[in-house]
Amino acid sequence: MSQSCEDLVTAHMPLVGHIVREIMSRIPAHVSRDDLASAGLVALVQAAKSFDPSRGVTFARYAATRVRGATLDELRSIDWASRSVRRRARELEDTRNKLAADLGRTPTDAEIASVLGMSVEEIAANNVDVSRAAVMSLQGFGETPIDDLLPSRAPGPEQMLEQRERVGYLVDAVAELPKRLRTVVEDYFFCERPMAEIADELGVTESRVSQMRAEALVLLKDALNSVLEPSLVAPHSRPDGCAARRRDAYFCAVAGRRSVAARPGAPATLDEIA
């Protein structure tokens, strides 16, 4: 851009602000002033490049026409209603105001329809089209921000603390599993190793690895419930047997371990399982 063009743009930038302020006074508040100003400034630069002083028109007048047209085009591009809907809405509003002045009261839709040669249903349909195109600010609902009124799916501090505690107990429960069961859980779930590789390492069949995985998951579930929801732990079928005693010892080890990961404020993720 030449120096003369830059001078024209610099000198007439306030013109863009004036036109944008004028337009903003007649449109909804949700429309971005910055978007209109950007469109106006682009039009001002284009006007400076194409301005021909030999035509006898001042640059200010020429640029004002280009800037105003660009800002109106920007408004149309973000308007959800078609131009025909807006035109009919203005026609209805003008007729409503004229009848109100003549009758001394608010006219009915039937009276407006009679004057315009429309049906009441057509007026109602136009009103619906206009209302659908209306955009409201989410921060315009009184003193309370809309963010505080809408339900949030994000966990609250209490839920986050409970989740951290559960993860901590899970870390402990995995760490306290018998060695071979712990190997199956760590390799299959965390290292994502194929079951065939785990079977070869342990010297057992794949079906046995599948059984060990299922056994470990039952132990983990019961261990977590034993410290968090004891009522959910089903009693052992043989409470006096060795298996029941081993299970109870495992539950006690998990409850007494209380790893650092389970403490509030400490990082607690399953990736920390060693």
Protein backbone atom coordinates (compact mmCIF):
# COMPACT_ATOMS: atom_id res chain seq x y z
CA MET A 1 0.00 0.00 0.00
CA SER A 2 1.41 3.38 -1.03
CA GLN A 3 2.11 6.21 1.38
CA SER A 4 -0.87 8.19 0.10
CA CYS A 5 -3.19 5.23 0.77
CA GLU A 6 -1.76 4.81 4.27
CA ASP A 7 -2.32 8.49 4.95
CA LEU A 8 -5.94 8.25 3.80
CA VAL A 9 -6.58 5.21 5.98
CA THR A 10 -4.92 6.73 9.05
CA ALA A 11 -6.74 10.02 8.68
CA HIS A 12 -10.18 8.43 8.25
CA MET A 13 -10.06 5.63 10.84
CA PRO A 14 -12.35 7.66 13.16
CA LEU A 15 -14.94 7.46 10.37
CA VAL A 16 -15.14 3.71 10.87
CA GLY A 17 -15.70 4.13 14.60
CA HIS A 18 -18.44 6.69 13.98
CA ILE A 19 -20.32 4.41 11.55
CA VAL A 20 -19.96 1.38 13.82
CA ARG A 21 -21.31 3.34 16.82
CA GLU A 22 -24.24 4.52 14.73
CA ILE A 23 -25.09 0.99 13.64
CA MET A 24 -24.58 -0.50 17.12
CA SER A 25 -27.21 1.86 18.51
CA ARG A 26 -29.87 0.18 16.34
CA ILE A 27 -28.99 -3.51 16.65
CA PRO A 28 -29.07 -6.13 19.46
CA ALA A 29 -26.35 -6.00 22.08
CA HIS A 30 -25.04 -9.49 21.29
CA VAL A 31 -23.54 -8.32 17.99
CA SER A 32 -19.77 -7.95 18.28
CA ARG A 33 -18.53 -4.40 17.86
CA ASP A 34 -15.08 -5.72 17.00
CA ASP A 35 -16.44 -7.79 14.08
CA LEU A 36 -18.16 -4.74 12.59
CA ALA A 37 -15.09 -2.58 13.14
CA SER A 38 -12.87 -5.16 11.44
CA ALA A 39 -15.16 -5.28 8.42
CA GLY A 40 -15.25 -1.49 8.31
CA LEU A 41 -11.46 -1.16 8.47
CA VAL A 42 -11.01 -3.66 5.64
CA ALA A 43 -13.47 -1.65 3.56
CA LEU A 44 -11.60 1.56 4.41
CA VAL A 45 -8.32 0.10 3.13
CA GLN A 46 -10.01 -1.12 -0.05
CA ALA A 47 -11.57 2.31 -0.54
CA ALA A 48 -8.16 3.98 -0.18
CA LYS A 49 -6.69 1.68 -2.82
CA SER A 50 -9.50 2.23 -5.35
CA PHE A 51 -10.17 5.93 -4.69
CA ASP A 52 -10.07 8.12 -7.79
CA PRO A 53 -10.08 11.84 -6.91
CA SER A 54 -10.74 12.77 -10.56
CA ARG A 55 -14.37 11.71 -10.18
CA GLY A 56 -15.10 14.75 -8.02
CA VAL A 57 -16.17 12.86 -4.91
CA THR A 58 -14.39 13.44 -1.61
CA PHE A 59 -12.69 10.46 -0.07
CA ALA A 60 -14.67 10.81 3.16
CA ARG A 61 -17.96 10.45 1.31
CA TYR A 62 -16.67 7.63 -0.87
CA ALA A 63 -15.18 5.74 2.09
CA ALA A 64 -18.31 6.20 4.22
CA THR A 65 -20.39 4.45 1.57
CA ARG A 66 -17.94 1.54 1.33
CA VAL A 67 -17.59 1.19 5.12
CA ARG A 68 -21.31 1.33 5.76
CA GLY A 69 -21.95 -1.26 3.08
CA ALA A 70 -19.29 -3.58 4.49
CA THR A 71 -20.66 -3.37 8.03
CA LEU A 72 -24.18 -4.07 6.80
CA ASP A 73 -22.90 -7.07 4.85
CA GLU A 74 -21.23 -8.30 8.03
CA LEU A 75 -24.52 -7.96 9.89
CA ARG A 76 -26.35 -9.93 7.22
CA SER A 77 -23.75 -12.69 7.34
CA ILE A 78 -24.34 -13.28 11.06
CA ASP A 79 -28.11 -12.82 10.95
CA TRP A 80 -29.96 -16.12 11.30
CA ALA A 81 -33.10 -14.69 9.72
CA SER A 82 -33.43 -14.19 5.97
CA ARG A 83 -33.81 -10.73 4.47
CA SER A 84 -37.42 -11.49 3.54
CA VAL A 85 -38.22 -12.36 7.15
CA ARG A 86 -36.64 -9.14 8.38
CA ARG A 87 -38.43 -7.09 5.72
CA ARG A 88 -41.80 -8.60 6.65
CA ALA A 89 -41.06 -8.04 10.34
CA ARG A 90 -40.37 -4.34 9.72
CA GLU A 91 -43.57 -4.09 7.70
CA LEU A 92 -45.57 -5.68 10.51
CA GLU A 93 -43.98 -3.42 13.11
CA ASP A 94 -44.67 -0.27 11.07
CA THR A 95 -48.30 -1.31 10.58
CA ARG A 96 -48.66 -2.13 14.26
CA ASN A 97 -47.34 1.29 15.28
CA LYS A 98 -49.60 3.10 12.78
CA LEU A 99 -52.71 1.25 13.93
CA ALA A 100 -51.81 1.83 17.57
CA ALA A 101 -51.64 5.57 16.90
CA ASP A 102 -54.97 5.55 15.02
CA LEU A 103 -56.86 3.30 17.45
CA GLY A 104 -55.32 4.55 20.67
CA ARG A 105 -54.59 0.97 21.75
CA THR A 106 -52.51 -2.03 20.77
CA PRO A 107 -54.00 -3.57 17.63
CA THR A 108 -54.81 -7.26 17.41
CA ASP A 109 -53.12 -9.61 14.97
CA ALA A 110 -56.43 -9.89 13.10
CA GLU A 111 -56.55 -6.11 12.57
CA ILE A 112 -52.94 -6.05 11.36
CA ALA A 113 -53.61 -8.98 9.04
CA SER A 114 -56.65 -7.20 7.60
CA VAL A 115 -54.65 -4.10 6.76
CA LEU A 116 -51.79 -6.03 5.15
CA GLY A 117 -53.97 -8.57 3.39
CA MET A 118 -52.41 -11.43 5.32
CA SER A 119 -53.76 -14.22 7.47
CA VAL A 120 -53.29 -14.36 11.22
CA GLU A 121 -51.38 -17.61 10.74
CA GLU A 122 -48.86 -15.85 8.45
CA ILE A 123 -48.26 -13.18 11.08
CA ALA A 124 -47.73 -15.84 13.74
CA ALA A 125 -45.32 -17.74 11.47
CA ASN A 126 -43.28 -14.59 10.84
CA ASN A 127 -43.10 -13.89 14.57
CA VAL A 128 -41.81 -17.42 15.14
CA ASP A 129 -39.15 -16.99 12.43
CA VAL A 130 -37.95 -13.75 14.01
CA SER A 131 -37.86 -15.21 17.52
CA ARG A 132 -35.85 -18.20 16.31
CA ALA A 133 -33.28 -15.87 14.82
CA ALA A 134 -32.91 -13.89 18.04
CA VAL A 135 -29.61 -14.44 19.85
CA MET A 136 -29.43 -13.65 23.54
CA SER A 137 -26.37 -13.15 25.70
CA LEU A 138 -25.79 -15.98 28.15
CA GLN A 139 -24.66 -13.38 30.67
CA GLY A 140 -27.85 -11.35 30.41
CA PHE A 141 -30.04 -13.37 32.78
CA GLY A 142 -30.15 -11.03 35.73
CA GLU A 143 -27.47 -10.69 38.37
CA THR A 144 -26.66 -14.41 38.48
CA PRO A 145 -24.44 -15.56 35.59
CA ILE A 146 -26.01 -18.25 33.43
CA ASP A 147 -22.96 -20.45 34.15
CA ASP A 148 -24.14 -20.67 37.77
CA LEU A 149 -27.70 -21.59 36.77
CA LEU A 150 -26.93 -24.39 34.32
CA PRO A 151 -26.26 -27.85 35.73
CA SER A 152 -22.62 -28.86 35.49
CA ARG A 153 -21.38 -32.35 34.74
CA ALA A 154 -17.93 -31.59 36.08
CA PRO A 155 -17.19 -33.34 39.38
CA GLY A 156 -17.24 -31.17 42.47
CA PRO A 157 -14.49 -31.07 45.12
CA GLU A 158 -16.22 -33.72 47.21
CA GLN A 159 -16.58 -36.09 44.26
CA MET A 160 -12.97 -35.51 43.23
CA LEU A 161 -11.82 -36.34 46.75
CA GLU A 162 -13.90 -39.54 46.78
CA GLN A 163 -12.50 -40.54 43.38
CA ARG A 164 -8.95 -39.91 44.57
CA GLU A 165 -9.60 -42.10 47.58
CA ARG A 166 -10.99 -44.89 45.40
CA VAL A 167 -7.99 -44.72 43.09
CA GLY A 168 -5.68 -44.83 46.08
CA TYR A 169 -7.35 -47.93 47.44
CA LEU A 170 -7.19 -49.52 43.99
CA VAL A 171 -3.45 -48.82 43.85
CA ASP A 172 -3.09 -50.55 47.22
CA ALA A 173 -5.36 -53.44 46.23
CA VAL A 174 -3.31 -54.20 43.12
CA ALA A 175 -0.05 -53.93 45.06
CA GLU A 176 -1.31 -56.42 47.69
CA LEU A 177 -2.46 -59.07 45.21
CA PRO A 178 -0.59 -62.37 45.21
CA LYS A 179 2.42 -62.10 42.93
CA ARG A 180 1.10 -64.13 40.00
CA LEU A 181 -2.29 -62.43 40.05
CA ARG A 182 -0.59 -59.02 40.26
CA THR A 183 1.54 -59.91 37.25
CA VAL A 184 -1.54 -60.80 35.23
CA VAL A 185 -3.32 -57.56 36.15
CA GLU A 186 -0.32 -55.32 35.50
CA ASP A 187 0.69 -57.00 32.23
CA TYR A 188 -2.79 -57.37 30.79
CA PHE A 189 -4.43 -54.08 31.82
CA PHE A 190 -1.55 -51.63 32.19
CA CYS A 191 1.11 -52.97 29.83
CA GLU A 192 -1.53 -54.24 27.35
CA ARG A 193 0.41 -57.40 26.66
CA PRO A 194 -1.31 -60.22 24.75
CA MET A 195 -2.63 -63.04 26.90
CA ALA A 196 -0.44 -65.53 25.02
CA GLU A 197 2.75 -63.68 26.08
CA ILE A 198 1.62 -63.61 29.71
CA ALA A 199 0.84 -67.33 29.56
CA ASP A 200 4.31 -68.11 28.17
CA GLU A 201 5.98 -66.03 30.88
CA LEU A 202 4.06 -67.73 33.68
CA GLY A 203 4.28 -71.18 32.10
CA VAL A 204 0.52 -71.71 32.01
CA THR A 205 -2.17 -71.88 29.34
CA GLU A 206 -4.10 -68.89 28.07
CA SER A 207 -7.28 -70.23 29.64
CA ARG A 208 -5.51 -70.31 33.01
CA VAL A 209 -4.43 -66.70 32.55
CA SER A 210 -8.05 -65.83 31.83
CA GLN A 211 -9.12 -67.57 35.04
CA MET A 212 -6.42 -65.73 37.03
CA ARG A 213 -7.55 -62.42 35.56
CA ALA A 214 -11.15 -63.10 36.59
CA GLU A 215 -10.03 -64.16 40.08
CA ALA A 216 -7.96 -60.99 40.46
CA LEU A 217 -10.85 -58.75 39.39
CA VAL A 218 -13.14 -60.34 41.97
CA LEU A 219 -10.53 -59.82 44.67
CA LEU A 220 -9.99 -56.19 43.65
CA LYS A 221 -13.70 -55.47 43.64
CA ASP A 222 -14.25 -57.05 47.04
CA ALA A 223 -11.16 -55.34 48.49
CA LEU A 224 -12.44 -51.90 47.47
CA ASN A 225 -15.92 -52.66 48.77
CA SER A 226 -14.49 -53.95 52.05
CA VAL A 227 -13.09 -50.49 52.86
CA LEU A 228 -15.67 -48.31 51.09
CA GLU A 229 -18.96 -50.28 51.03
CA PRO A 230 -18.62 -53.30 53.36
CA SER A 231 -22.29 -54.23 52.90
CA LEU A 232 -21.59 -55.07 49.26
CA VAL A 233 -19.06 -57.80 50.10
CA ALA A 234 -20.70 -61.20 49.94
CA PRO A 235 -19.71 -63.59 52.76
CA HIS A 236 -17.40 -66.44 51.83
CA SER A 237 -19.10 -69.78 51.19
CA ARG A 238 -16.73 -71.39 53.72
CA PRO A 239 -15.95 -68.67 56.29
CA ASP A 240 -13.77 -70.98 58.39
CA GLY A 241 -11.66 -72.27 55.50
CA CYS A 242 -8.15 -71.28 54.44
CA ALA A 243 -9.40 -69.40 51.36
CA ALA A 244 -11.66 -67.22 53.51
CA ARG A 245 -8.78 -66.46 55.91
CA ARG A 246 -6.48 -65.55 53.01
CA ARG A 247 -9.17 -63.26 51.58
CA ASP A 248 -9.71 -61.55 54.95
CA ALA A 249 -5.96 -61.09 55.35
CA TYR A 250 -5.82 -59.53 51.90
CA PHE A 251 -8.65 -57.12 52.79
CA CYS A 252 -6.85 -56.11 56.00
CA ALA A 253 -3.60 -55.52 54.10
CA VAL A 254 -5.36 -53.24 51.63
CA ALA A 255 -7.15 -51.32 54.38
CA GLY A 256 -3.93 -50.91 56.38
CA ARG A 257 -1.63 -50.02 53.52
CA ARG A 258 -3.01 -46.52 52.76
CA SER A 259 -0.56 -45.55 50.03
CA VAL A 260 0.59 -41.97 49.48
CA ALA A 261 -1.54 -41.89 46.32
CA ALA A 262 -4.70 -42.16 48.45
CA ARG A 263 -3.97 -39.05 50.51
CA PRO A 264 -5.79 -35.83 49.56
CA GLY A 265 -3.62 -33.52 47.46
CA ALA A 266 -1.24 -36.23 46.27
CA PRO A 267 -1.23 -37.48 42.68
CA ALA A 268 -3.21 -40.69 42.36
CA THR A 269 -3.37 -42.49 39.04
CA LEU A 270 -3.33 -46.10 38.07
CA ASP A 271 -0.16 -45.43 36.11
CA GLU A 272 1.66 -45.15 39.42
CA ILE A 273 1.29 -48.87 40.08
CA ALA A 274 4.78 -50.33 40.02
